[in-house]
């Protein structure tokens, strides 16, 4: 049972292996609580659901980054691959048979749970800029198509502020990551390269030159207990 903000649910999930999580929102007036389906006064109801013997949780997809030295990092919302300081991240992407050297502010890889957070911000900003040059209701409509079901067995990635130069391109700036088809990233950063999990600076892997990361779906999920009204979801 978790009592706190969404980030506490996220951090707790990384240390579990299938145990159902009851998440309570201690202050609905101030906390959005995307991953907090119950208020404190609903604790008894939530506990009864969890002990009912039925599957009353949703299997929230998690992401993982696996390095070529065997280290692994998991995330509930998103992974951020970048330079630790405010300099460009340099790396090579291998995606769907294409390869490209890039220089950017980094990559964000989002899950369904993370699609209402950082991914939404990226999509909103990109759509807003394009709409200034190409006024169209269709562009604005994109901002409303950000949500991905928690259980969806896929991820999305976005490149932050890609820079085009003689040694870097920006043809691969967005894409989806399917199950058993990870995104391959090779670090070209001599130092201070890093992979962060769920925005926590302490939850990271060093990602410097010669390191290769395969980013894809984790082999476990967050089992989040939810009310009956949230137990059914359309994955289409």
Protein backbone atom coordinates (compact mmCIF):
# COMPACT_ATOMS: atom_id res chain seq x y z
CA UNK A 1 0.00 0.00 0.00
CA UNK A 2 1.38 3.40 -1.03
CA UNK A 3 0.30 6.73 0.46
CA UNK A 4 1.84 9.71 -1.31
CA UNK A 5 2.35 11.30 -4.70
CA UNK A 6 2.56 9.50 -8.05
CA UNK A 7 6.34 9.42 -7.82
CA UNK A 8 6.18 7.20 -4.76
CA UNK A 9 4.14 4.63 -6.71
CA UNK A 10 6.69 4.77 -9.51
CA UNK A 11 9.66 4.24 -7.21
CA UNK A 12 7.93 1.46 -5.27
CA UNK A 13 7.11 -0.44 -8.48
CA UNK A 14 10.80 -0.81 -9.32
CA UNK A 15 11.36 -3.02 -6.29
CA UNK A 16 8.37 -5.32 -6.78
CA UNK A 17 7.84 -8.47 -8.78
CA UNK A 18 4.13 -8.71 -9.51
CA UNK A 19 2.70 -7.84 -6.09
CA UNK A 20 -0.50 -5.74 -6.46
CA UNK A 21 -0.15 -2.12 -5.36
CA UNK A 22 -2.89 -0.14 -3.60
CA UNK A 23 -2.16 3.57 -4.16
CA UNK A 24 -3.94 6.21 -2.06
CA UNK A 25 -4.07 9.93 -2.81
CA UNK A 26 -3.56 11.83 0.49
CA UNK A 27 -4.55 15.25 -0.94
CA UNK A 28 -6.77 15.15 -4.07
CA UNK A 29 -7.08 18.96 -4.01
CA UNK A 30 -3.37 19.38 -4.72
CA UNK A 31 -2.12 16.09 -6.18
CA UNK A 32 -3.21 15.08 -9.70
CA UNK A 33 -2.90 11.42 -8.79
CA UNK A 34 -2.79 9.81 -12.25
CA UNK A 35 -1.48 6.63 -10.59
CA UNK A 36 -3.48 7.16 -7.37
CA UNK A 37 -6.96 5.75 -8.10
CA UNK A 38 -8.20 5.81 -4.48
CA UNK A 39 -8.68 8.57 -1.92
CA UNK A 40 -7.75 7.88 1.70
CA UNK A 41 -11.38 7.35 2.72
CA UNK A 42 -11.61 4.58 0.10
CA UNK A 43 -8.81 2.54 1.69
CA UNK A 44 -11.16 -0.14 3.07
CA UNK A 45 -12.77 -0.56 -0.33
CA UNK A 46 -9.37 -0.85 -2.03
CA UNK A 47 -8.13 -3.44 0.47
CA UNK A 48 -11.30 -5.50 0.07
CA UNK A 49 -10.84 -5.42 -3.72
CA UNK A 50 -7.23 -6.56 -3.44
CA UNK A 51 -8.24 -9.48 -1.18
CA UNK A 52 -11.24 -10.53 -3.27
CA UNK A 53 -9.36 -13.23 -5.16
CA UNK A 54 -10.17 -11.64 -8.52
CA UNK A 55 -7.85 -9.76 -10.88
CA UNK A 56 -8.70 -6.21 -9.86
CA UNK A 57 -5.54 -4.52 -11.08
CA UNK A 58 -4.23 -3.18 -14.36
CA UNK A 59 -0.85 -4.35 -15.62
CA UNK A 60 1.00 -1.09 -16.24
CA UNK A 61 3.75 -1.55 -18.83
CA UNK A 62 7.27 -0.61 -17.75
CA UNK A 63 10.32 0.30 -19.84
CA UNK A 64 13.91 -0.79 -19.41
CA UNK A 65 17.37 0.14 -20.63
CA UNK A 66 19.89 -2.71 -20.84
CA UNK A 67 23.58 -1.90 -21.27
CA UNK A 68 26.17 -4.07 -23.01
CA UNK A 69 27.91 -4.57 -19.65
CA UNK A 70 24.77 -6.19 -18.19
CA UNK A 71 23.45 -3.26 -16.13
CA UNK A 72 19.71 -2.64 -16.28
CA UNK A 73 17.44 0.27 -15.38
CA UNK A 74 13.63 0.14 -15.36
CA UNK A 75 11.04 2.93 -15.50
CA UNK A 76 7.29 3.25 -15.05
CA UNK A 77 6.88 6.59 -16.86
CA UNK A 78 9.94 7.40 -18.93
CA UNK A 79 13.66 7.08 -19.53
CA UNK A 80 15.81 10.08 -20.38
CA UNK A 81 19.10 9.58 -22.22
CA UNK A 82 21.25 12.72 -22.25
CA UNK A 83 24.42 14.45 -21.05
CA UNK A 84 24.51 15.13 -17.33
CA UNK A 85 25.36 18.83 -17.87
CA UNK A 86 23.80 21.36 -20.24
CA UNK A 87 25.72 20.30 -23.33
CA UNK A 88 24.55 18.31 -26.32
CA UNK A 89 24.18 14.58 -26.02
CA UNK A 90 25.97 12.72 -28.83
CA UNK A 91 25.05 9.21 -29.82
CA UNK A 92 24.10 6.91 -32.68
CA UNK A 93 20.55 5.61 -33.10
CA UNK A 94 19.70 2.31 -34.74
CA UNK A 95 15.98 2.15 -35.47
CA UNK A 96 14.08 -0.11 -37.90
CA UNK A 97 17.18 -0.81 -39.97
CA UNK A 98 18.25 2.84 -40.16
CA UNK A 99 21.22 4.40 -38.38
CA UNK A 100 21.91 8.04 -37.62
CA UNK A 101 24.47 10.00 -35.60
CA UNK A 102 22.72 12.70 -33.60
CA UNK A 103 23.43 15.70 -31.40
CA UNK A 104 20.50 16.80 -29.23
CA UNK A 105 19.26 17.59 -25.75
CA UNK A 106 18.59 13.89 -25.40
CA UNK A 107 15.95 11.23 -25.94
CA UNK A 108 12.77 10.63 -23.99
CA UNK A 109 11.28 7.13 -24.05
CA UNK A 110 7.74 7.03 -22.66
CA UNK A 111 5.36 4.29 -21.53
CA UNK A 112 1.57 4.45 -21.54
CA UNK A 113 1.63 5.67 -17.94
CA UNK A 114 4.11 8.36 -18.94
CA UNK A 115 2.13 9.46 -21.99
CA UNK A 116 0.10 11.89 -19.86
CA UNK A 117 3.25 13.54 -18.53
CA UNK A 118 6.50 14.41 -20.26
CA UNK A 119 5.44 12.89 -23.59
CA UNK A 120 2.32 15.08 -23.60
CA UNK A 121 4.47 18.17 -22.98
CA UNK A 122 6.73 17.30 -25.92
CA UNK A 123 3.78 16.67 -28.21
CA UNK A 124 2.00 19.85 -27.14
CA UNK A 125 5.06 21.99 -27.78
CA UNK A 126 5.79 20.43 -31.17
CA UNK A 127 2.18 20.76 -32.32
CA UNK A 128 2.04 24.38 -31.15
CA UNK A 129 5.15 25.34 -33.12
CA UNK A 130 3.97 23.61 -36.31
CA UNK A 131 0.53 25.23 -35.97
CA UNK A 132 2.17 28.67 -36.08
CA UNK A 133 3.55 27.88 -39.55
CA UNK A 134 0.81 25.60 -40.83
CA UNK A 135 -2.50 26.73 -39.28
CA UNK A 136 -4.70 23.67 -39.33
CA UNK A 137 -7.26 22.09 -37.00
CA UNK A 138 -5.56 18.74 -37.71
CA UNK A 139 -2.31 19.96 -36.16
CA UNK A 140 -4.08 21.13 -33.03
CA UNK A 141 -5.93 17.82 -32.94
CA UNK A 142 -2.61 16.05 -32.46
CA UNK A 143 -2.41 17.49 -28.96
CA UNK A 144 -5.52 15.52 -28.02
CA UNK A 145 -4.08 12.19 -29.20
CA UNK A 146 -1.35 11.83 -26.59
CA UNK A 147 -2.89 9.23 -24.28
CA UNK A 148 -1.71 5.62 -24.55
CA UNK A 149 -3.34 2.82 -22.48
CA UNK A 150 -1.27 1.78 -19.48
CA UNK A 151 -1.25 -1.87 -20.62
CA UNK A 152 -0.14 -1.12 -24.19
CA UNK A 153 2.90 -3.31 -24.97
CA UNK A 154 4.80 -0.59 -26.73
CA UNK A 155 6.76 2.60 -26.08
CA UNK A 156 7.28 5.90 -27.88
CA UNK A 157 10.49 7.89 -28.16
CA UNK A 158 11.09 11.54 -28.96
CA UNK A 159 14.30 13.44 -29.69
CA UNK A 160 14.69 16.71 -27.81
CA UNK A 161 15.95 19.63 -29.90
CA UNK A 162 17.94 17.70 -32.53
CA UNK A 163 20.76 19.67 -34.16
CA UNK A 164 21.68 19.17 -37.81
CA UNK A 165 25.38 19.53 -38.69
CA UNK A 166 28.06 17.92 -40.86
CA UNK A 167 28.28 15.06 -38.37
CA UNK A 168 24.71 14.84 -37.04
CA UNK A 169 21.26 14.45 -38.55
CA UNK A 170 17.62 14.70 -37.57
CA UNK A 171 15.76 12.24 -39.76
CA UNK A 172 14.83 9.94 -36.87
CA UNK A 173 13.12 12.22 -34.36
CA UNK A 174 10.14 10.12 -33.25
CA UNK A 175 9.08 6.51 -33.31
CA UNK A 176 7.50 3.57 -31.56
CA UNK A 177 9.23 0.66 -29.86
CA UNK A 178 7.46 -2.67 -30.15
CA UNK A 179 7.89 -5.76 -28.01
CA UNK A 180 11.10 -7.67 -28.82
CA UNK A 181 12.25 -4.78 -31.05
CA UNK A 182 14.31 -2.49 -28.78
CA UNK A 183 15.81 0.83 -29.78
CA UNK A 184 19.61 0.65 -29.94
CA UNK A 185 21.62 3.66 -28.80
CA UNK A 186 25.43 3.89 -28.85
CA UNK A 187 27.00 6.63 -26.73
CA UNK A 188 29.48 9.02 -28.33
CA UNK A 189 29.93 11.01 -25.10
CA UNK A 190 33.45 10.73 -23.58
CA UNK A 191 32.05 11.63 -20.16
CA UNK A 192 28.86 12.66 -18.33
CA UNK A 193 26.55 10.58 -20.48
CA UNK A 194 23.67 9.24 -18.40
CA UNK A 195 20.33 7.41 -18.52
CA UNK A 196 17.79 8.65 -15.96
CA UNK A 197 14.70 6.76 -14.83
CA UNK A 198 11.42 8.59 -14.13
CA UNK A 199 13.13 11.93 -13.60
CA UNK A 200 15.07 10.78 -10.52
CA UNK A 201 18.69 11.95 -10.76
CA UNK A 202 19.88 9.30 -8.32
CA UNK A 203 18.22 6.53 -10.35
CA UNK A 204 20.58 6.35 -13.29
CA UNK A 205 23.19 4.51 -15.34
CA UNK A 206 26.39 6.06 -16.67
CA UNK A 207 26.31 6.11 -20.47
CA UNK A 208 29.68 7.06 -21.89
CA UNK A 209 31.65 6.22 -25.05
CA UNK A 210 31.60 2.53 -26.01
CA UNK A 211 28.40 1.93 -24.02
CA UNK A 212 25.47 0.51 -25.97
CA UNK A 213 21.91 0.64 -24.62
CA UNK A 214 18.98 -1.42 -25.82
CA UNK A 215 15.77 0.33 -24.75
CA UNK A 216 12.55 -1.65 -24.80
CA UNK A 217 9.81 -3.17 -22.68
CA UNK A 218 10.62 -4.48 -19.22
CA UNK A 219 9.88 -8.12 -18.43
CA UNK A 220 7.63 -7.12 -15.53
CA UNK A 221 4.74 -4.72 -14.98
CA UNK A 222 3.24 -2.61 -12.22
CA UNK A 223 0.06 -4.35 -10.94
CA UNK A 224 -2.00 -1.33 -9.89
CA UNK A 225 -5.26 -2.06 -8.06
CA UNK A 226 -8.07 0.09 -9.51
CA UNK A 227 -11.84 0.57 -8.96
CA UNK A 228 -14.24 -1.46 -11.09
CA UNK A 229 -14.83 1.56 -13.37
CA UNK A 230 -11.14 1.53 -14.35
CA UNK A 231 -10.62 -2.21 -14.74
CA UNK A 232 -11.67 -2.41 -18.38
CA UNK A 233 -9.63 -0.69 -21.02
CA UNK A 234 -9.75 -0.57 -24.82
CA UNK A 235 -6.27 -1.30 -26.15
CA UNK A 236 -7.28 -0.51 -29.73
